[in-house]
Amino acid sequence: MLQEFAEFEKRYEALQEELNAHPHDERIINAMIEYYQARLNVITMVLQKLEEVKQTNTKSHAKEA
């Protein structure tokens, strides 16, 4: 997961440089939108996994009590 976030950061920096060089290029703007959508998808997956772990831990503690 950390490697994916590092790759996202590299891609984001490259897109920002491209956008600064060509601020009206529709392709770069669309790539930025896709970047944010992909990053949001990864964050959503992480949150879902954390919720699954939380529920599993809650059930485990309930069985022990």
C-alpha atoms as a PDB file:
ATOM      1  CA  MET A   1       0.000   0.000   0.000  1.00  0.00           C
ATOM      2  CA  LEU A   2       2.802   2.403   0.870  1.00  0.00           C
ATOM      3  CA  GLN A   3       4.441   1.684  -2.460  1.00  0.00           C
ATOM      4  CA  GLU A   4       1.196   2.519  -4.254  1.00  0.00           C
ATOM      5  CA  PHE A   5       0.953   5.831  -2.416  1.00  0.00           C
ATOM      6  CA  ALA A   6       4.574   6.599  -3.319  1.00  0.00           C
ATOM      7  CA  GLU A   7       3.786   5.893  -6.976  1.00  0.00           C
ATOM      8  CA  PHE A   8       0.697   8.109  -6.729  1.00  0.00           C
ATOM      9  CA  GLU A   9       2.858  10.928  -5.382  1.00  0.00           C
ATOM     10  CA  LYS A  10       5.382  10.585  -8.213  1.00  0.00           C
ATOM     11  CA  ARG A  11       2.596  10.600 -10.781  1.00  0.00           C
ATOM     12  CA  TYR A  12       0.952  13.601  -9.122  1.00  0.00           C
ATOM     13  CA  GLU A  13       4.204  15.584  -9.183  1.00  0.00           C
ATOM     14  CA  ALA A  14       4.704  14.763 -12.861  1.00  0.00           C
ATOM     15  CA  LEU A  15       1.142  15.798 -13.661  1.00  0.00           C
ATOM     16  CA  GLN A  16       1.584  19.077 -11.803  1.00  0.00           C
ATOM     17  CA  GLU A  17       4.718  19.843 -13.801  1.00  0.00           C
ATOM     18  CA  GLU A  18       2.905  19.040 -17.035  1.00  0.00           C
ATOM     19  CA  LEU A  19      -0.065  21.166 -15.990  1.00  0.00           C
ATOM     20  CA  ASN A  20       2.208  24.103 -15.148  1.00  0.00           C
ATOM     21  CA  ALA A  21       3.845  23.798 -18.562  1.00  0.00           C
ATOM     22  CA  HIS A  22       0.532  23.358 -20.425  1.00  0.00           C
ATOM     23  CA  PRO A  23      -2.275  24.752 -18.242  1.00  0.00           C
ATOM     24  CA  HIS A  24      -4.979  24.485 -20.899  1.00  0.00           C
ATOM     25  CA  ASP A  25      -4.198  20.940 -22.100  1.00  0.00           C
ATOM     26  CA  GLU A  26      -7.406  18.977 -21.682  1.00  0.00           C
ATOM     27  CA  ARG A  27      -5.526  15.652 -21.584  1.00  0.00           C
ATOM     28  CA  ILE A  28      -3.515  16.730 -18.548  1.00  0.00           C
ATOM     29  CA  ILE A  29      -6.619  18.007 -16.785  1.00  0.00           C
ATOM     30  CA  ASN A  30      -8.366  14.684 -17.447  1.00  0.00           C
ATOM     31  CA  ALA A  31      -5.306  12.799 -16.208  1.00  0.00           C
ATOM     32  CA  MET A  32      -5.419  14.841 -12.990  1.00  0.00           C
ATOM     33  CA  ILE A  33      -9.087  13.941 -12.528  1.00  0.00           C
ATOM     34  CA  GLU A  34      -8.318  10.263 -13.135  1.00  0.00           C
ATOM     35  CA  TYR A  35      -5.448  10.506 -10.639  1.00  0.00           C
ATOM     36  CA  TYR A  36      -7.775  11.834  -7.937  1.00  0.00           C
ATOM     37  CA  GLN A  37     -10.388   9.185  -8.735  1.00  0.00           C
ATOM     38  CA  ALA A  38      -7.812   6.399  -8.490  1.00  0.00           C
ATOM     39  CA  ARG A  39      -6.439   7.779  -5.240  1.00  0.00           C
ATOM     40  CA  LEU A  40      -9.950   8.025  -3.820  1.00  0.00           C
ATOM     41  CA  ASN A  41     -10.584   4.397  -4.823  1.00  0.00           C
ATOM     42  CA  VAL A  42      -7.444   3.263  -2.983  1.00  0.00           C
ATOM     43  CA  ILE A  43      -8.402   5.253   0.113  1.00  0.00           C
ATOM     44  CA  THR A  44     -11.901   3.751  -0.009  1.00  0.00           C
ATOM     45  CA  MET A  45     -10.427   0.248  -0.199  1.00  0.00           C
ATOM     46  CA  VAL A  46      -8.181   0.952   2.792  1.00  0.00           C
ATOM     47  CA  LEU A  47     -11.138   2.251   4.800  1.00  0.00           C
ATOM     48  CA  GLN A  48     -13.189  -0.839   3.914  1.00  0.00           C
ATOM     49  CA  LYS A  49     -10.367  -3.143   5.004  1.00  0.00           C
ATOM     50  CA  LEU A  50      -9.948  -1.233   8.255  1.00  0.00           C
ATOM     51  CA  GLU A  51     -13.675  -1.534   8.907  1.00  0.00           C
ATOM     52  CA  GLU A  52     -13.499  -5.291   8.243  1.00  0.00           C
ATOM     53  CA  VAL A  53     -10.638  -5.638  10.721  1.00  0.00           C
ATOM     54  CA  LYS A  54     -12.524  -3.545  13.264  1.00  0.00           C
ATOM     55  CA  GLN A  55     -15.619  -5.733  12.926  1.00  0.00           C
ATOM     56  CA  THR A  56     -13.540  -8.905  13.161  1.00  0.00           C
ATOM     57  CA  ASN A  57     -11.843  -7.629  16.315  1.00  0.00           C
ATOM     58  CA  THR A  58     -15.185  -6.616  17.816  1.00  0.00           C
ATOM     59  CA  LYS A  59     -16.638 -10.080  17.152  1.00  0.00           C
ATOM     60  CA  SER A  60     -13.510 -11.726  18.557  1.00  0.00           C
ATOM     61  CA  HIS A  61     -13.711  -9.686  21.754  1.00  0.00           C
ATOM     62  CA  ALA A  62     -17.431 -10.426  22.090  1.00  0.00           C
ATOM     63  CA  LYS A  63     -16.749 -14.186  21.928  1.00  0.00           C
ATOM     64  CA  GLU A  64     -14.075 -13.892  24.629  1.00  0.00           C
ATOM     65  CA  ALA A  65     -16.407 -12.068  27.025  1.00  0.00           C
END
